Amino acid sequence: MWQRSLYQSKIGMKKISLTFTTAIFILFSYCTNAQKIQRAPNIIFILADDLSWGDLGCYGQKKISTPNIDRIAKEGIKFTQAYAGNSVCAPSRSCLMQGKHPGHARVRDNSYKSYRESLQDGDFTVAMLLKQAGYKTGLFGKWGLSNHNQPGIPNKMGFDEFYGYLNQQQAHTYYPEFLYHNQEKIYFPENGEHYKLKNYSRNSPYDEKGKVMPIGIKDPSKAKYSFDFYCEKSLDFVRQNKNNPFFLDLAYTIPHGPLIVPDLGEYKDKDWPIQHKEWAAMITRMDTEVGKLLNLLSELGLDENTIIFFASDNGNSSQGYQDRYIKDKSSPSLDDFFNLKSPTRGEKGDTYDGAFHVPAMVRWPSHIAPNQVSDHIWAFWDFLPTASEIAGVEPPSDIDGISILPALLGKGKQKQHDYLYWEYKQAQVIRDGKWFAHRESGGQVELYDLISDPQQSKNLSNKNPDIVKKMDEIMRKAHTPSNVWPSPGETPEQFKKRLKQNNIPERPNNLALY
């Protein structure tokens, strides 16, 4: 009986032990699942290069297929009043990274007198902010904010991993001699000499199957199309970081010219001029990569914990880089053929509204309601504080941006900008509600009503002197002088004198550097 009692006692002890172990396992599983649920959301920003307002189906495009990008809009929120950081590549990206408008951002143009400016030691980026918050950070595509020998390279500006182009001039070739992986050059000998200006600046032929035969490449079947390559690496980054929050900056080079694509795809047999086929095929190729990303997020169970921003880096691209086709007067321009223009006057490189007005959308399943269209006015410098709020950390105090998270989630009161401010090549611009103020360097303020006059054809400055005065005051306050670019109204001689007084040495010619 004692032995039986002892046996029963042992069984009871085992039951208790198993119950305790099971409880610990359940508790551990619950905590693990809770951590997954409470994990900071992944943040992805997809930045197309020179994508015009009307290039996407969700913005009215009828001839170019973009189902995956359209899906972001359909399953999230599409904006009609979103603005890029600036009118061209580098300064727009500076605003996005720094959370500052062009009057305060470090980089304010692609170059000045053959000198490219870089982000500097002490500059703070959204990648730095998110890295400090525990995010893994990756940049894939085009940086455009430093050359190889300048302080602003991605790995020093908050990115754990970088794969792509540093200098936007090198990014003009889609079959490059090399790409950077962090600070190492990864060479592609299979790309031959296509990377040389004399080759990539000319239109490469396509065979009867719609496959490109890039000039300067002996075996096109082995060539490395840079867009495909760094997109593949970006998917690897997502896989490698599936168990921790990540920030993925997808800075696509498509559809920036020169126009070239490995395969014309569904457009091969269209009765279109070749440049129209190329433009459409490049955009659809970008859309395909967006689809791969969406599928991967779903496959890894990350979809509902990942917010995706999509936008273009500047407004209407000027004629789609058709210089090599421009003599062919028998064909309509890309703008006319695809009806690409935004609803407002202005295009890349100028300073009217359309130069900054971009397609933009945000998707976050179970957080952002689908099928929304918003006229909330925001700009690239709002991304940093928005990402900050999503990550649950405080943004820097010296930024110009305002978080748009309330507008995205439809919760809480959304703060509004008093105004949006841009400057480019000494011109100054303000968007304030319906008003659009524009002033060429040192000139008079032009005033337009964007609602009744989206083409900005009727200058109303004489009829609204009080508003003009207000705009003039904002322009004076919003601009901080730079030691790289002349201030509005400053002559080259005055700028040179100012630099000399501040002991700023003459800048080198670094346009061709990588």
Protein backbone atom coordinates (compact mmCIF):
# COMPACT_ATOMS: atom_id res chain seq x y z
CA MET A 1 0.00 0.00 0.00
CA TRP A 2 2.85 2.34 0.83
CA GLN A 3 4.45 1.53 -2.48
CA ARG A 4 1.17 2.18 -4.29
CA SER A 5 0.71 5.42 -2.43
CA LEU A 6 4.27 6.38 -3.31
CA TYR A 7 3.58 5.52 -6.97
CA GLN A 8 0.41 7.57 -6.94
CA SER A 9 2.32 10.34 -5.23
CA LYS A 10 4.94 10.24 -7.98
CA ILE A 11 2.23 10.33 -10.62
CA GLY A 12 0.71 13.33 -8.88
CA MET A 13 4.06 15.05 -8.80
CA LYS A 14 4.48 14.39 -12.53
CA LYS A 15 1.02 15.81 -13.17
CA ILE A 16 1.87 18.89 -11.18
CA SER A 17 5.20 19.18 -12.99
CA LEU A 18 3.55 18.78 -16.37
CA THR A 19 0.87 21.29 -15.45
CA PHE A 20 3.52 23.76 -14.35
CA THR A 21 5.56 23.18 -17.52
CA THR A 22 2.47 23.57 -19.67
CA ALA A 23 1.58 26.80 -17.90
CA ILE A 24 5.09 28.15 -18.45
CA PHE A 25 4.90 27.16 -22.14
CA ILE A 26 1.51 28.83 -22.57
CA LEU A 27 2.74 31.93 -20.77
CA PHE A 28 5.86 32.01 -22.93
CA SER A 29 3.83 31.54 -26.11
CA TYR A 30 1.44 34.29 -25.03
CA CYS A 31 4.31 36.66 -24.30
CA THR A 32 5.99 35.82 -27.59
CA ASN A 33 2.75 36.40 -29.51
CA ALA A 34 2.12 39.59 -27.56
CA GLN A 35 5.60 40.79 -28.47
CA LYS A 36 4.85 40.06 -32.13
CA ILE A 37 1.59 41.95 -31.91
CA GLN A 38 3.13 44.86 -30.04
CA ARG A 39 6.27 44.98 -32.17
CA ALA A 40 6.85 48.35 -33.76
CA PRO A 41 5.41 48.46 -37.29
CA ASN A 42 7.71 48.03 -40.27
CA ILE A 43 7.95 51.16 -42.40
CA ILE A 44 8.54 51.15 -46.15
CA PHE A 45 8.89 54.21 -48.35
CA ILE A 46 8.83 53.53 -52.10
CA LEU A 47 10.10 56.53 -54.04
CA ALA A 48 9.72 56.43 -57.82
CA ASP A 49 12.05 58.62 -59.85
CA ASP A 50 10.39 61.10 -62.24
CA LEU A 51 7.04 59.35 -62.18
CA SER A 52 4.43 61.81 -63.39
CA TRP A 53 0.98 62.37 -61.94
CA GLY A 54 -0.85 60.53 -64.69
CA ASP A 55 1.44 57.50 -65.04
CA LEU A 56 -0.62 55.33 -62.68
CA GLY A 57 -3.99 53.71 -63.20
CA CYS A 58 -5.24 54.99 -59.85
CA TYR A 59 -4.59 58.54 -61.11
CA GLY A 60 -6.34 58.00 -64.42
CA GLN A 61 -3.78 56.27 -66.67
CA LYS A 62 -5.45 54.09 -69.33
CA LYS A 63 -2.55 52.71 -71.35
CA ILE A 64 0.03 51.66 -68.73
CA SER A 65 -0.62 48.66 -66.50
CA THR A 66 0.04 49.33 -62.78
CA PRO A 67 -2.22 46.90 -60.83
CA ASN A 68 0.06 46.50 -57.80
CA ILE A 69 0.67 50.19 -57.20
CA ASP A 70 -3.04 50.76 -57.78
CA ARG A 71 -3.64 48.14 -55.11
CA ILE A 72 -1.77 50.29 -52.56
CA ALA A 73 -4.21 53.09 -53.28
CA LYS A 74 -7.25 50.80 -53.32
CA GLU A 75 -6.34 49.14 -50.04
CA GLY A 76 -5.32 52.39 -48.40
CA ILE A 77 -5.47 56.12 -48.90
CA LYS A 78 -4.71 58.10 -52.06
CA PHE A 79 -3.72 61.76 -51.77
CA THR A 80 -4.62 64.50 -54.22
CA GLN A 81 -2.63 67.27 -52.50
CA ALA A 82 0.71 65.63 -51.71
CA TYR A 83 3.98 67.41 -52.47
CA ALA A 84 7.57 66.35 -53.04
CA GLY A 85 10.47 67.95 -51.24
CA ASN A 86 11.58 69.88 -54.30
CA SER A 87 11.49 70.20 -58.05
CA VAL A 88 14.42 67.85 -58.78
CA CYS A 89 16.04 64.75 -57.33
CA ALA A 90 18.66 65.52 -54.66
CA PRO A 91 16.97 68.39 -52.78
CA SER A 92 13.70 66.48 -52.73
CA ARG A 93 15.43 63.54 -51.06
CA SER A 94 17.16 65.83 -48.59
CA CYS A 95 13.77 67.09 -47.40
CA LEU A 96 12.48 63.53 -47.12
CA MET A 97 15.45 62.38 -45.07
CA GLN A 98 15.78 65.45 -42.84
CA GLY A 99 12.16 66.43 -42.20
CA LYS A 100 12.94 69.97 -43.29
CA HIS A 101 11.62 72.20 -46.07
CA PRO A 102 14.00 73.51 -48.76
CA GLY A 103 14.70 76.72 -46.86
CA HIS A 104 16.31 74.69 -44.08
CA ALA A 105 17.39 71.39 -45.66
CA ARG A 106 21.06 70.76 -46.37
CA VAL A 107 20.84 69.94 -50.09
CA ARG A 108 18.89 72.50 -52.14
CA ASP A 109 19.74 71.60 -55.72
CA ASN A 110 21.40 68.80 -57.64
CA SER A 111 24.54 70.91 -57.94
CA TYR A 112 25.90 74.44 -58.10
CA LYS A 113 28.61 75.33 -60.60
CA SER A 114 29.80 71.73 -60.97
CA TYR A 115 29.74 71.02 -57.23
CA ARG A 116 27.46 68.45 -55.60
CA GLU A 117 26.68 69.05 -51.94
CA SER A 118 26.46 66.19 -49.45
CA LEU A 119 24.68 65.64 -46.19
CA GLN A 120 27.18 66.53 -43.47
CA ASP A 121 28.33 65.25 -40.09
CA GLY A 122 25.77 66.45 -37.59
CA ASP A 123 22.83 66.21 -39.99
CA PHE A 124 20.04 64.00 -38.66
CA THR A 125 17.96 61.70 -40.84
CA VAL A 126 14.82 59.62 -40.49
CA ALA A 127 17.02 56.52 -40.85
CA MET A 128 19.05 57.64 -37.82
CA LEU A 129 15.87 58.21 -35.84
CA LEU A 130 14.47 54.77 -36.63
CA LYS A 131 17.78 53.03 -36.07
CA GLN A 132 17.92 54.59 -32.59
CA ALA A 133 14.39 53.26 -32.05
CA GLY A 134 15.59 49.70 -32.69
CA TYR A 135 14.82 49.42 -36.40
CA LYS A 136 17.02 47.72 -38.98
CA THR A 137 17.43 50.20 -41.80
CA GLY A 138 18.02 49.55 -45.48
CA LEU A 139 18.32 51.71 -48.60
CA PHE A 140 18.08 50.15 -52.04
CA GLY A 141 18.30 52.19 -55.24
CA LYS A 142 19.47 55.80 -55.60
CA TRP A 143 20.83 57.89 -52.73
CA GLY A 144 21.81 61.14 -54.48
CA LEU A 145 22.94 62.89 -51.27
CA SER A 146 26.70 62.28 -51.40
CA ASN A 147 29.58 61.11 -53.51
CA HIS A 148 31.89 58.34 -52.33
CA ASN A 149 34.37 60.74 -50.72
CA GLN A 150 31.85 62.93 -48.88
CA PRO A 151 30.51 62.54 -45.32
CA GLY A 152 26.89 61.90 -46.29
CA ILE A 153 27.16 58.30 -47.50
CA PRO A 154 24.16 56.17 -46.42
CA ASN A 155 26.03 54.07 -43.85
CA LYS A 156 26.97 57.25 -41.99
CA MET A 157 23.45 58.63 -42.25
CA GLY A 158 21.64 55.85 -40.41
CA PHE A 159 21.39 52.99 -42.90
CA ASP A 160 22.57 49.55 -41.84
CA GLU A 161 22.59 48.36 -45.43
CA PHE A 162 22.84 50.16 -48.76
CA TYR A 163 22.72 48.70 -52.23
CA GLY A 164 22.66 50.97 -55.27
CA TYR A 165 23.91 54.30 -56.61
CA LEU A 166 25.47 57.13 -54.62
CA ASN A 167 25.63 59.74 -57.36
CA GLN A 168 22.58 60.47 -59.50
CA GLN A 169 24.78 60.93 -62.58
CA GLN A 170 25.92 57.31 -62.39
CA ALA A 171 22.28 56.34 -61.91
CA HIS A 172 21.59 57.50 -65.47
CA THR A 173 22.81 54.12 -66.69
CA TYR A 174 20.66 51.06 -65.98
CA TYR A 175 23.52 48.72 -66.95
CA PRO A 176 26.23 50.19 -64.71
CA GLU A 177 29.88 49.28 -64.39
CA PHE A 178 29.21 48.68 -60.68
CA LEU A 179 26.85 49.35 -57.80
CA TYR A 180 27.71 50.03 -54.20
CA HIS A 181 27.03 47.52 -51.45
CA ASN A 182 27.56 49.74 -48.45
CA GLN A 183 30.99 51.24 -49.28
CA GLU A 184 32.18 48.45 -51.52
CA LYS A 185 31.91 48.53 -55.30
CA ILE A 186 30.29 45.42 -56.76
CA TYR A 187 31.39 45.22 -60.41
CA PHE A 188 29.38 43.82 -63.31
CA PRO A 189 31.87 42.93 -66.07
CA GLU A 190 28.97 41.40 -68.02
CA ASN A 191 27.71 44.97 -68.60
CA GLY A 192 30.67 45.73 -70.86
CA GLU A 193 30.96 49.41 -71.70
CA HIS A 194 27.32 50.39 -71.76
CA TYR A 195 27.95 52.59 -68.71
CA LYS A 196 29.93 55.04 -70.83
CA LEU A 197 28.01 58.16 -71.84
CA LYS A 198 28.59 57.57 -75.53
CA ASN A 199 26.68 54.29 -75.19
CA TYR A 200 23.91 54.79 -72.65
CA SER A 201 22.94 58.17 -74.09
CA ARG A 202 21.92 56.52 -77.36
CA ASN A 203 18.79 54.45 -77.90
CA SER A 204 19.57 50.73 -77.78
CA PRO A 205 17.74 48.47 -80.26
CA TYR A 206 15.29 45.67 -79.40
CA ASP A 207 15.07 42.30 -81.14
CA GLU A 208 11.95 40.70 -82.63
CA LYS A 209 11.05 39.25 -79.22
CA GLY A 210 11.13 42.67 -77.56
CA LYS A 211 14.42 42.00 -75.77
CA VAL A 212 16.86 44.89 -75.50
CA MET A 213 20.34 44.74 -76.99
CA PRO A 214 22.18 47.41 -74.96
CA ILE A 215 24.89 49.23 -76.85
CA GLY A 216 28.34 48.27 -75.54
CA ILE A 217 27.28 44.84 -74.18
CA LYS A 218 28.41 41.71 -76.06
CA ASP A 219 25.95 39.25 -74.51
CA PRO A 220 22.66 40.92 -73.47
CA SER A 221 21.41 37.67 -71.90
CA LYS A 222 24.05 37.98 -69.17
CA ALA A 223 23.71 41.74 -68.58
CA LYS A 224 22.68 43.02 -65.14
CA TYR A 225 19.82 45.53 -65.19
CA SER A 226 20.46 47.48 -62.00
CA PHE A 227 16.79 47.95 -61.07
CA ASP A 228 16.17 44.19 -61.04
CA PHE A 229 19.35 43.58 -59.06
CA TYR A 230 18.81 45.98 -56.16
CA CYS A 231 15.11 45.07 -55.97
CA GLU A 232 16.12 41.45 -55.42
CA LYS A 233 18.50 42.57 -52.67
CA SER A 234 15.73 44.59 -51.03
CA LEU A 235 13.57 41.46 -50.77
CA ASP A 236 16.50 39.69 -49.12
CA PHE A 237 16.64 42.53 -46.61
CA VAL A 238 12.98 41.97 -45.74
CA ARG A 239 13.52 38.22 -45.31
CA GLN A 240 16.58 38.75 -43.12
CA ASN A 241 14.74 41.20 -40.87
CA LYS A 242 11.35 39.54 -40.65
CA ASN A 243 11.71 39.07 -36.89
CA ASN A 244 12.52 42.68 -36.01
CA PRO A 245 11.12 46.03 -37.08
CA PHE A 246 12.69 47.46 -40.22
CA PHE A 247 12.71 50.64 -42.27
CA LEU A 248 13.06 49.98 -45.99
CA ASP A 249 13.80 52.94 -48.25
CA LEU A 250 13.15 51.76 -51.80
CA ALA A 251 14.54 54.59 -53.91
CA TYR A 252 13.72 53.30 -57.38
CA THR A 253 15.52 54.73 -60.42
CA ILE A 254 12.55 53.96 -62.70
CA PRO A 255 11.23 55.61 -64.84
CA HIS A 256 14.01 58.27 -64.93
CA GLY A 257 15.69 58.37 -68.32
CA PRO A 258 17.47 57.36 -70.44
CA LEU A 259 14.68 55.01 -71.43
CA ILE A 260 15.73 51.37 -71.57
CA VAL A 261 14.17 48.14 -70.32
CA PRO A 262 15.26 44.48 -70.63
CA ASP A 263 11.94 43.42 -72.12
CA LEU A 264 9.12 45.41 -73.69
CA GLY A 265 6.73 42.81 -72.32
CA GLU A 266 3.05 43.37 -73.01
CA TYR A 267 3.84 46.48 -75.03
CA LYS A 268 6.07 44.73 -77.61
CA ASP A 269 3.40 44.47 -80.28
CA LYS A 270 1.68 47.81 -79.60
CA ASP A 271 1.48 50.13 -82.56
CA TRP A 272 3.42 52.78 -80.62
CA PRO A 273 6.73 54.60 -81.11
CA ILE A 274 9.56 52.80 -79.32
CA GLN A 275 9.96 55.45 -76.61
CA HIS A 276 6.31 55.03 -75.63
CA LYS A 277 6.77 51.26 -75.34
CA GLU A 278 9.90 51.76 -73.24
CA TRP A 279 8.24 54.24 -70.89
CA ALA A 280 5.24 51.99 -70.32
CA ALA A 281 7.38 48.86 -69.93
CA MET A 282 9.64 50.54 -67.35
CA ILE A 283 6.68 51.63 -65.23
CA THR A 284 5.03 48.21 -65.45
CA ARG A 285 8.35 46.60 -64.49
CA MET A 286 8.40 48.80 -61.40
CA ASP A 287 4.82 47.77 -60.67
CA THR A 288 5.80 44.11 -60.92
CA GLU A 289 8.48 44.60 -58.27
CA VAL A 290 5.95 46.30 -56.00
CA GLY A 291 3.80 43.21 -56.43
CA LYS A 292 6.70 40.95 -55.40
CA LEU A 293 7.16 43.02 -52.25
CA LEU A 294 3.47 42.88 -51.35
CA ASN A 295 3.43 39.12 -51.87
CA LEU A 296 6.51 38.64 -49.71
CA LEU A 297 5.05 40.66 -46.84
CA SER A 298 1.95 38.48 -46.97
CA GLU A 299 3.98 35.28 -47.18
CA LEU A 300 6.02 36.27 -44.10
CA GLY A 301 2.97 37.32 -42.11
CA LEU A 302 4.12 40.94 -42.02
CA ASP A 303 1.37 42.53 -44.07
CA GLU A 304 -0.75 43.96 -41.27
CA ASN A 305 2.28 45.21 -39.37
CA THR A 306 3.83 47.06 -42.31
CA ILE A 307 2.94 50.55 -43.49
CA ILE A 308 3.88 51.39 -47.08
CA PHE A 309 4.27 54.92 -48.44
CA PHE A 310 4.50 55.42 -52.20
CA ALA A 311 5.32 58.68 -54.00
CA SER A 312 7.37 60.27 -56.80
CA ASP A 313 10.43 62.40 -56.10
CA ASN A 314 9.26 65.43 -58.08
CA GLY A 315 6.41 66.64 -60.21
CA ASN A 316 5.77 66.11 -63.91
CA SER A 317 8.92 64.87 -65.59
CA SER A 318 9.84 67.08 -68.52
CA GLN A 319 9.02 65.25 -71.72
CA GLY A 320 10.14 61.89 -70.35
CA TYR A 321 13.80 62.39 -71.29
CA GLN A 322 13.16 62.22 -75.02
CA ASP A 323 16.22 64.18 -76.14
CA ARG A 324 17.34 61.38 -78.40
CA TYR A 325 13.86 61.12 -79.92
CA ILE A 326 12.93 64.79 -79.94
CA LYS A 327 13.69 65.23 -83.65
CA ASP A 328 10.99 62.73 -84.50
CA LYS A 329 8.15 65.19 -84.95
CA SER A 330 5.87 62.50 -86.33
CA SER A 331 5.28 61.06 -82.85
CA PRO A 332 3.36 62.72 -80.02
CA SER A 333 5.29 63.48 -76.85
CA LEU A 334 5.07 61.12 -73.90
CA ASP A 335 3.08 63.79 -72.09
CA ASP A 336 0.49 64.00 -74.84
CA PHE A 337 0.39 60.29 -75.66
CA PHE A 338 -0.13 59.11 -72.07
CA ASN A 339 -1.81 62.26 -70.72
CA LEU A 340 0.71 62.41 -67.86
CA LYS A 341 0.32 65.93 -66.57
CA SER A 342 -0.86 66.80 -63.08
CA PRO A 343 -3.96 69.00 -62.68
CA THR A 344 -1.78 72.05 -62.08
CA ARG A 345 0.76 73.93 -64.17
CA GLY A 346 4.43 73.19 -63.56
CA GLU A 347 6.93 70.43 -64.22
CA LYS A 348 10.26 69.08 -63.06
CA GLY A 349 12.91 71.79 -62.87
CA ASP A 350 10.59 74.78 -62.66
CA THR A 351 8.83 76.24 -59.62
CA TYR A 352 5.12 76.28 -60.32
CA ASP A 353 2.78 73.97 -58.45
CA GLY A 354 3.05 70.98 -60.79
CA ALA A 355 6.80 70.84 -60.20
CA PHE A 356 6.16 69.66 -56.64
CA HIS A 357 2.66 68.12 -56.90
CA VAL A 358 3.05 64.32 -56.90
CA PRO A 359 1.03 61.10 -56.79
CA ALA A 360 1.21 59.64 -53.27
CA MET A 361 -0.56 56.90 -51.36
CA VAL A 362 -0.23 54.96 -48.10
CA ARG A 363 -1.34 51.42 -47.21
CA TRP A 364 -1.50 49.73 -43.80
CA PRO A 365 -4.02 46.86 -43.60
CA SER A 366 -6.30 46.85 -40.53
CA HIS A 367 -5.10 50.34 -39.63
CA ILE A 368 -5.81 52.54 -42.65
CA ALA A 369 -9.30 52.15 -44.06
CA PRO A 370 -9.33 51.13 -47.75
CA ASN A 371 -10.62 53.08 -50.75
CA GLN A 372 -9.94 56.51 -49.29
CA VAL A 373 -9.16 59.67 -51.25
CA SER A 374 -7.80 62.56 -49.20
CA ASP A 375 -7.19 66.21 -50.04
CA HIS A 376 -5.02 66.72 -46.94
CA ILE A 377 -2.08 68.95 -47.88
CA TRP A 378 1.30 67.52 -46.89
CA ALA A 379 4.89 67.37 -48.12
CA PHE A 380 7.94 65.13 -47.88
CA TRP A 381 9.19 66.81 -44.72
CA ASP A 382 6.15 65.37 -42.95
CA PHE A 383 7.45 61.83 -43.35
CA LEU A 384 10.06 62.00 -40.57
CA PRO A 385 7.62 63.05 -37.82
CA THR A 386 5.06 60.56 -39.15
CA ALA A 387 7.60 57.73 -38.98
CA SER A 388 8.57 58.97 -35.53
CA GLU A 389 5.00 58.72 -34.27
CA ILE A 390 4.53 55.29 -35.84
CA ALA A 391 7.71 54.07 -34.09
CA GLY A 392 6.66 55.68 -30.81
CA VAL A 393 9.63 58.03 -30.42
CA GLU A 394 10.03 61.78 -30.25
CA PRO A 395 11.16 63.61 -33.41
CA PRO A 396 13.84 66.32 -33.33
CA SER A 397 12.63 69.79 -32.40
CA ASP A 398 14.26 71.58 -35.35
CA ILE A 399 12.17 70.05 -38.15
CA ASP A 400 9.46 71.60 -40.32
CA GLY A 401 7.30 68.51 -40.70
CA ILE A 402 4.02 67.57 -39.03
CA SER A 403 2.96 63.95 -38.51
CA ILE A 404 0.13 62.94 -40.84
CA LEU A 405 -0.67 59.79 -38.85
CA PRO A 406 -4.07 61.14 -37.66
CA ALA A 407 -5.05 61.71 -41.30
CA LEU A 408 -3.90 58.19 -42.19
CA LEU A 409 -5.70 56.45 -39.35
CA GLY A 410 -8.74 58.73 -39.24
CA LYS A 411 -8.21 59.13 -35.50
CA GLY A 412 -7.49 62.25 -33.49
CA LYS A 413 -7.16 65.79 -34.74
CA GLN A 414 -4.87 66.29 -37.69
CA LYS A 415 -2.67 69.38 -37.38
CA GLN A 416 -2.42 71.53 -40.50
CA HIS A 417 0.53 73.43 -41.90
CA ASP A 418 0.31 77.19 -41.78
CA TYR A 419 2.03 77.00 -45.18
CA LEU A 420 4.32 74.85 -47.31
CA TYR A 421 7.52 76.49 -48.51
CA TRP A 422 9.93 75.66 -51.33
CA GLU A 423 12.91 77.34 -52.89
CA TYR A 424 14.79 76.23 -55.98
CA LYS A 425 17.42 78.11 -58.02
CA GLN A 426 16.68 81.23 -55.93
CA ALA A 427 12.96 81.19 -56.69
CA GLN A 428 10.61 81.00 -53.69
CA VAL A 429 7.22 79.32 -53.49
CA ILE A 430 4.44 79.06 -50.91
CA ARG A 431 1.29 76.94 -50.78
CA ASP A 432 -1.15 78.37 -48.23
CA GLY A 433 -4.63 76.88 -48.55
CA LYS A 434 -5.96 77.89 -51.95
CA TRP A 435 -3.19 80.43 -52.45
CA PHE A 436 -0.01 79.76 -54.38
CA ALA A 437 2.65 82.46 -54.15
CA HIS A 438 5.62 82.46 -56.51
CA ARG A 439 8.62 84.78 -56.71
CA GLU A 440 11.59 84.58 -59.02
CA SER A 441 14.91 85.53 -57.46
CA GLY A 442 14.60 89.08 -56.12
CA GLY A 443 11.43 89.72 -58.11
CA GLN A 444 7.84 90.54 -57.25
CA VAL A 445 5.48 88.09 -55.60
CA GLU A 446 3.00 86.47 -57.98
CA LEU A 447 -0.23 85.25 -56.41
CA TYR A 448 -2.57 82.58 -57.80
CA ASP A 449 -5.78 80.92 -56.66
CA LEU A 450 -5.03 77.21 -57.22
CA ILE A 451 -8.65 76.20 -56.85
CA SER A 452 -10.14 78.47 -59.50
CA ASP A 453 -6.96 78.75 -61.57
CA PRO A 454 -4.92 75.51 -61.37
CA GLN A 455 -2.85 76.57 -64.39
CA GLN A 456 -1.70 79.65 -62.46
CA SER A 457 -2.43 81.92 -65.37
CA LYS A 458 -4.01 84.90 -63.55
CA ASN A 459 -1.71 86.82 -61.25
CA LEU A 460 -3.92 88.22 -58.47
CA SER A 461 -1.19 90.04 -56.55
CA ASN A 462 -2.50 93.53 -57.37
CA LYS A 463 -5.96 92.66 -56.03
CA ASN A 464 -4.68 91.12 -52.78
CA PRO A 465 -1.93 93.34 -51.33
CA ASP A 466 -2.41 92.08 -47.75
CA ILE A 467 -1.94 88.47 -48.81
CA VAL A 468 1.09 89.40 -50.90
CA LYS A 469 2.60 91.15 -47.88
CA LYS A 470 2.00 88.04 -45.76
CA MET A 471 3.64 85.83 -48.39
CA ASP A 472 6.61 88.15 -48.66
CA GLU A 473 7.14 87.98 -44.90
CA ILE A 474 6.95 84.19 -44.89
CA MET A 475 9.48 83.98 -47.72
CA ARG A 476 11.92 86.14 -45.76
CA LYS A 477 11.52 84.13 -42.55
CA ALA A 478 11.49 80.66 -44.12
CA HIS A 479 14.84 81.02 -45.88
CA THR A 480 18.08 80.30 -44.06
CA PRO A 481 21.21 81.28 -46.05
CA SER A 482 23.41 78.43 -47.30
CA ASN A 483 27.15 78.37 -47.94
CA VAL A 484 26.56 76.30 -51.07
CA TRP A 485 23.72 78.03 -52.91
CA PRO A 486 23.05 81.75 -53.42
CA SER A 487 20.10 83.16 -51.49
CA PRO A 488 17.04 84.52 -53.30
CA GLY A 489 17.92 87.90 -54.78
CA GLU A 490 21.66 87.44 -54.22
CA THR A 491 23.88 88.04 -57.25
CA PRO A 492 26.80 85.70 -58.06
CA GLU A 493 29.18 88.47 -57.03
CA GLN A 494 27.42 89.00 -53.71
CA PHE A 495 27.39 85.26 -53.05
CA LYS A 496 31.09 84.95 -53.82
CA LYS A 497 31.83 87.87 -51.50
CA ARG A 498 29.77 86.31 -48.70
CA LEU A 499 31.66 83.03 -48.99
CA LYS A 500 34.98 84.83 -48.90
CA GLN A 501 33.96 86.76 -45.79
CA ASN A 502 33.04 83.45 -44.12
CA ASN A 503 36.32 81.82 -45.20
CA ILE A 504 34.53 79.23 -47.31
CA PRO A 505 36.99 77.75 -49.84
CA GLU A 506 36.14 77.39 -53.51
CA ARG A 507 34.27 74.15 -54.15
CA PRO A 508 35.78 71.49 -56.46
CA ASN A 509 34.19 70.11 -59.61
CA ASN A 510 32.86 66.75 -58.44
CA LEU A 511 30.01 66.09 -60.88
CA ALA A 512 31.62 63.03 -62.45
CA LEU A 513 32.66 61.35 -59.19
CA TYR A 514 30.95 58.27 -57.81
